[in-house]
Amino acid sequence: MPTDLIYPDDIDAQLNWPLGRASRLARAGKLPHYLLPDGAIRFRLDEVASLVRHVVPKTADPFETIQVCRPVTA
C-alpha cells in the first residue's frame, strides 16, 4: 500500500472543490481511492489529479449577432 495517502478534505482543498466532493466521487466509483480497514477513504493526489482536466471557458465572440426577442402584440 502506498505511504503517501492523503485525506479526502486535502483533495478537496488541493482541487478547490467543496468539502465532501472527493468522498462522494470515491463512493460513487468515479475517483481512484484506497479503502482502509476502518472504512476511511484515502487518496493519492497524483492519481486523482491525473483525471482532472482544465477547461478554458469559451469567450464570447464580439462579432456574433445577438437576436432580440420582442413580445408579440395583438
N, C-alpha and C. Protein backbone atom coordinates (compact mmCIF):
# COMPACT_ATOMS: atom_id res chain seq x y z
N MET A 1 0.85 -1.19 0.00
CA MET A 1 0.00 0.00 0.00
C MET A 1 0.89 1.24 0.00
N PRO A 2 0.53 2.24 -0.79
CA PRO A 2 1.33 3.47 -0.83
C PRO A 2 1.38 4.16 0.53
N THR A 3 2.47 4.87 0.75
CA THR A 3 2.63 5.58 2.03
C THR A 3 2.28 7.05 1.90
N ASP A 4 1.98 7.52 0.70
CA ASP A 4 1.67 8.94 0.51
C ASP A 4 0.17 9.19 0.36
N LEU A 5 -0.62 8.52 1.18
CA LEU A 5 -2.07 8.67 1.12
C LEU A 5 -2.50 9.93 1.86
N ILE A 6 -3.49 10.62 1.29
CA ILE A 6 -3.97 11.85 1.93
C ILE A 6 -5.48 11.78 2.14
N TYR A 7 -5.97 12.63 3.00
CA TYR A 7 -7.37 12.67 3.38
C TYR A 7 -8.24 13.27 2.27
N PRO A 8 -9.52 12.89 2.24
CA PRO A 8 -10.43 13.48 1.26
C PRO A 8 -10.51 15.00 1.34
N ASP A 9 -10.47 15.55 2.55
CA ASP A 9 -10.52 17.01 2.70
C ASP A 9 -9.31 17.68 2.04
N ASP A 10 -8.17 16.99 2.04
CA ASP A 10 -6.98 17.54 1.40
C ASP A 10 -7.14 17.56 -0.13
N ILE A 11 -7.78 16.54 -0.68
CA ILE A 11 -8.06 16.52 -2.12
C ILE A 11 -8.99 17.68 -2.46
N ASP A 12 -10.04 17.85 -1.65
CA ASP A 12 -10.97 18.95 -1.88
C ASP A 12 -10.24 20.29 -1.87
N ALA A 13 -9.35 20.48 -0.92
CA ALA A 13 -8.61 21.74 -0.81
C ALA A 13 -7.66 21.93 -1.99
N GLN A 14 -6.94 20.89 -2.36
CA GLN A 14 -5.97 20.99 -3.46
C GLN A 14 -6.65 21.33 -4.79
N LEU A 15 -7.84 20.78 -4.99
CA LEU A 15 -8.53 20.98 -6.27
C LEU A 15 -9.60 22.07 -6.19
N ASN A 16 -9.67 22.75 -5.05
CA ASN A 16 -10.64 23.83 -4.85
C ASN A 16 -12.07 23.34 -5.05
N TRP A 17 -12.36 22.17 -4.49
CA TRP A 17 -13.69 21.58 -4.54
C TRP A 17 -14.42 21.86 -3.24
N PRO A 18 -15.75 21.82 -3.25
CA PRO A 18 -16.50 21.92 -2.00
C PRO A 18 -16.17 20.72 -1.11
N LEU A 19 -16.19 20.93 0.20
CA LEU A 19 -15.89 19.84 1.13
C LEU A 19 -16.84 18.67 0.91
N GLY A 20 -16.29 17.48 0.86
CA GLY A 20 -17.08 16.27 0.70
C GLY A 20 -17.16 15.75 -0.72
N ARG A 21 -16.75 16.53 -1.70
CA ARG A 21 -16.88 16.09 -3.10
C ARG A 21 -15.99 14.88 -3.38
N ALA A 22 -14.76 14.89 -2.92
CA ALA A 22 -13.86 13.77 -3.19
C ALA A 22 -14.41 12.48 -2.60
N SER A 23 -14.93 12.54 -1.38
CA SER A 23 -15.52 11.34 -0.76
C SER A 23 -16.72 10.84 -1.54
N ARG A 24 -17.59 11.76 -1.95
CA ARG A 24 -18.78 11.36 -2.71
C ARG A 24 -18.39 10.72 -4.04
N LEU A 25 -17.42 11.30 -4.73
CA LEU A 25 -16.99 10.74 -6.01
C LEU A 25 -16.32 9.38 -5.83
N ALA A 26 -15.59 9.22 -4.75
CA ALA A 26 -14.95 7.93 -4.48
C ALA A 26 -15.99 6.85 -4.20
N ARG A 27 -16.96 7.18 -3.38
CA ARG A 27 -18.02 6.20 -3.05
C ARG A 27 -18.85 5.85 -4.28
N ALA A 28 -18.95 6.77 -5.22
CA ALA A 28 -19.68 6.52 -6.46
C ALA A 28 -18.83 5.76 -7.48
N GLY A 29 -17.56 5.50 -7.13
CA GLY A 29 -16.67 4.77 -8.03
C GLY A 29 -16.08 5.61 -9.13
N LYS A 30 -16.08 6.94 -8.97
CA LYS A 30 -15.59 7.82 -10.02
C LYS A 30 -14.19 8.36 -9.77
N LEU A 31 -13.63 8.12 -8.60
CA LEU A 31 -12.26 8.53 -8.29
C LEU A 31 -11.50 7.34 -7.73
N PRO A 32 -10.24 7.17 -8.14
CA PRO A 32 -9.43 6.09 -7.54
C PRO A 32 -9.16 6.43 -6.08
N HIS A 33 -9.32 5.44 -5.22
CA HIS A 33 -9.13 5.66 -3.79
C HIS A 33 -8.72 4.37 -3.10
N TYR A 34 -8.35 4.50 -1.86
CA TYR A 34 -7.97 3.37 -1.03
C TYR A 34 -8.92 3.33 0.15
N LEU A 35 -9.50 2.17 0.39
CA LEU A 35 -10.42 2.00 1.50
C LEU A 35 -9.66 1.32 2.63
N LEU A 36 -9.56 1.99 3.76
CA LEU A 36 -8.85 1.46 4.91
C LEU A 36 -9.74 0.47 5.66
N PRO A 37 -9.14 -0.40 6.51
CA PRO A 37 -9.93 -1.40 7.23
C PRO A 37 -11.07 -0.81 8.06
N ASP A 38 -10.90 0.40 8.54
CA ASP A 38 -11.96 1.01 9.34
C ASP A 38 -13.02 1.71 8.49
N GLY A 39 -12.91 1.61 7.16
CA GLY A 39 -13.88 2.21 6.25
C GLY A 39 -13.52 3.61 5.78
N ALA A 40 -12.43 4.16 6.30
CA ALA A 40 -12.00 5.51 5.89
C ALA A 40 -11.45 5.47 4.47
N ILE A 41 -11.61 6.57 3.77
CA ILE A 41 -11.14 6.70 2.39
C ILE A 41 -9.89 7.56 2.38
N ARG A 42 -8.91 7.15 1.58
CA ARG A 42 -7.70 7.94 1.37
C ARG A 42 -7.40 7.95 -0.13
N PHE A 43 -6.62 8.94 -0.54
CA PHE A 43 -6.30 9.14 -1.94
C PHE A 43 -4.81 9.36 -2.12
N ARG A 44 -4.37 9.18 -3.36
CA ARG A 44 -3.06 9.66 -3.79
C ARG A 44 -3.34 10.83 -4.72
N LEU A 45 -2.76 11.98 -4.40
CA LEU A 45 -3.04 13.19 -5.17
C LEU A 45 -2.70 13.02 -6.64
N ASP A 46 -1.59 12.36 -6.94
CA ASP A 46 -1.20 12.21 -8.35
C ASP A 46 -2.21 11.39 -9.14
N GLU A 47 -2.83 10.38 -8.51
CA GLU A 47 -3.83 9.57 -9.21
C GLU A 47 -5.09 10.38 -9.51
N VAL A 48 -5.50 11.19 -8.55
CA VAL A 48 -6.71 11.99 -8.75
C VAL A 48 -6.44 13.14 -9.71
N ALA A 49 -5.33 13.83 -9.52
CA ALA A 49 -5.02 14.99 -10.36
C ALA A 49 -4.86 14.60 -11.83
N SER A 50 -4.42 13.37 -12.09
CA SER A 50 -4.25 12.95 -13.49
C SER A 50 -5.60 12.81 -14.21
N LEU A 51 -6.68 12.72 -13.46
CA LEU A 51 -8.01 12.58 -14.06
C LEU A 51 -8.71 13.92 -14.27
N VAL A 52 -8.18 14.96 -13.67
CA VAL A 52 -8.83 16.27 -13.72
C VAL A 52 -8.27 17.07 -14.89
N ARG A 53 -9.16 17.63 -15.70
CA ARG A 53 -8.74 18.45 -16.84
C ARG A 53 -9.08 19.90 -16.56
N HIS A 54 -8.24 20.78 -17.06
CA HIS A 54 -8.54 22.21 -17.00
C HIS A 54 -9.28 22.57 -18.28
N VAL A 55 -10.45 23.12 -18.13
CA VAL A 55 -11.26 23.51 -19.29
C VAL A 55 -11.33 25.03 -19.31
N VAL A 56 -10.89 25.60 -20.41
CA VAL A 56 -10.93 27.05 -20.57
C VAL A 56 -12.31 27.43 -21.07
N PRO A 57 -12.98 28.35 -20.37
CA PRO A 57 -14.31 28.75 -20.82
C PRO A 57 -14.25 29.42 -22.19
N LYS A 58 -15.26 29.17 -22.98
CA LYS A 58 -15.34 29.78 -24.30
C LYS A 58 -15.62 31.27 -24.13
N THR A 59 -14.83 32.08 -24.79
CA THR A 59 -15.04 33.52 -24.71
C THR A 59 -16.10 33.93 -25.72
N ALA A 60 -16.79 34.98 -25.41
CA ALA A 60 -17.83 35.48 -26.31
C ALA A 60 -17.19 36.09 -27.55
N ASP A 61 -17.76 35.79 -28.67
CA ASP A 61 -17.29 36.35 -29.94
C ASP A 61 -17.89 37.74 -30.10
N PRO A 62 -17.05 38.79 -30.16
CA PRO A 62 -17.60 40.15 -30.24
C PRO A 62 -18.37 40.41 -31.53
N PHE A 63 -18.16 39.57 -32.55
CA PHE A 63 -18.83 39.77 -33.83
C PHE A 63 -20.06 38.87 -33.99
N GLU A 64 -20.36 38.10 -32.95
CA GLU A 64 -21.53 37.22 -33.01
C GLU A 64 -22.80 38.07 -32.93
N THR A 65 -23.76 37.74 -33.77
CA THR A 65 -25.00 38.52 -33.75
C THR A 65 -25.89 38.04 -32.62
N ILE A 66 -26.56 38.98 -32.02
CA ILE A 66 -27.47 38.67 -30.93
C ILE A 66 -28.88 38.94 -31.43
N GLN A 67 -29.74 37.95 -31.27
CA GLN A 67 -31.12 38.12 -31.69
C GLN A 67 -31.94 38.56 -30.48
N VAL A 68 -32.68 39.61 -30.66
CA VAL A 68 -33.52 40.12 -29.59
C VAL A 68 -34.95 39.66 -29.85
N CYS A 69 -35.54 39.04 -28.86
CA CYS A 69 -36.94 38.61 -28.99
C CYS A 69 -37.84 39.72 -28.49
N ARG A 70 -38.80 40.06 -29.30
CA ARG A 70 -39.76 41.09 -28.90
C ARG A 70 -41.10 40.42 -28.59
N PRO A 71 -41.81 40.94 -27.61
CA PRO A 71 -43.11 40.34 -27.29
C PRO A 71 -44.08 40.51 -28.46
N VAL A 72 -44.91 39.53 -28.63
CA VAL A 72 -45.92 39.57 -29.69
C VAL A 72 -47.06 40.46 -29.22
N THR A 73 -47.43 41.43 -30.05
CA THR A 73 -48.55 42.30 -29.69
C THR A 73 -49.77 41.89 -30.50
N ALA A 74 -50.92 41.95 -29.86
CA ALA A 74 -52.15 41.52 -30.53
C ALA A 74 -52.85 42.67 -31.18
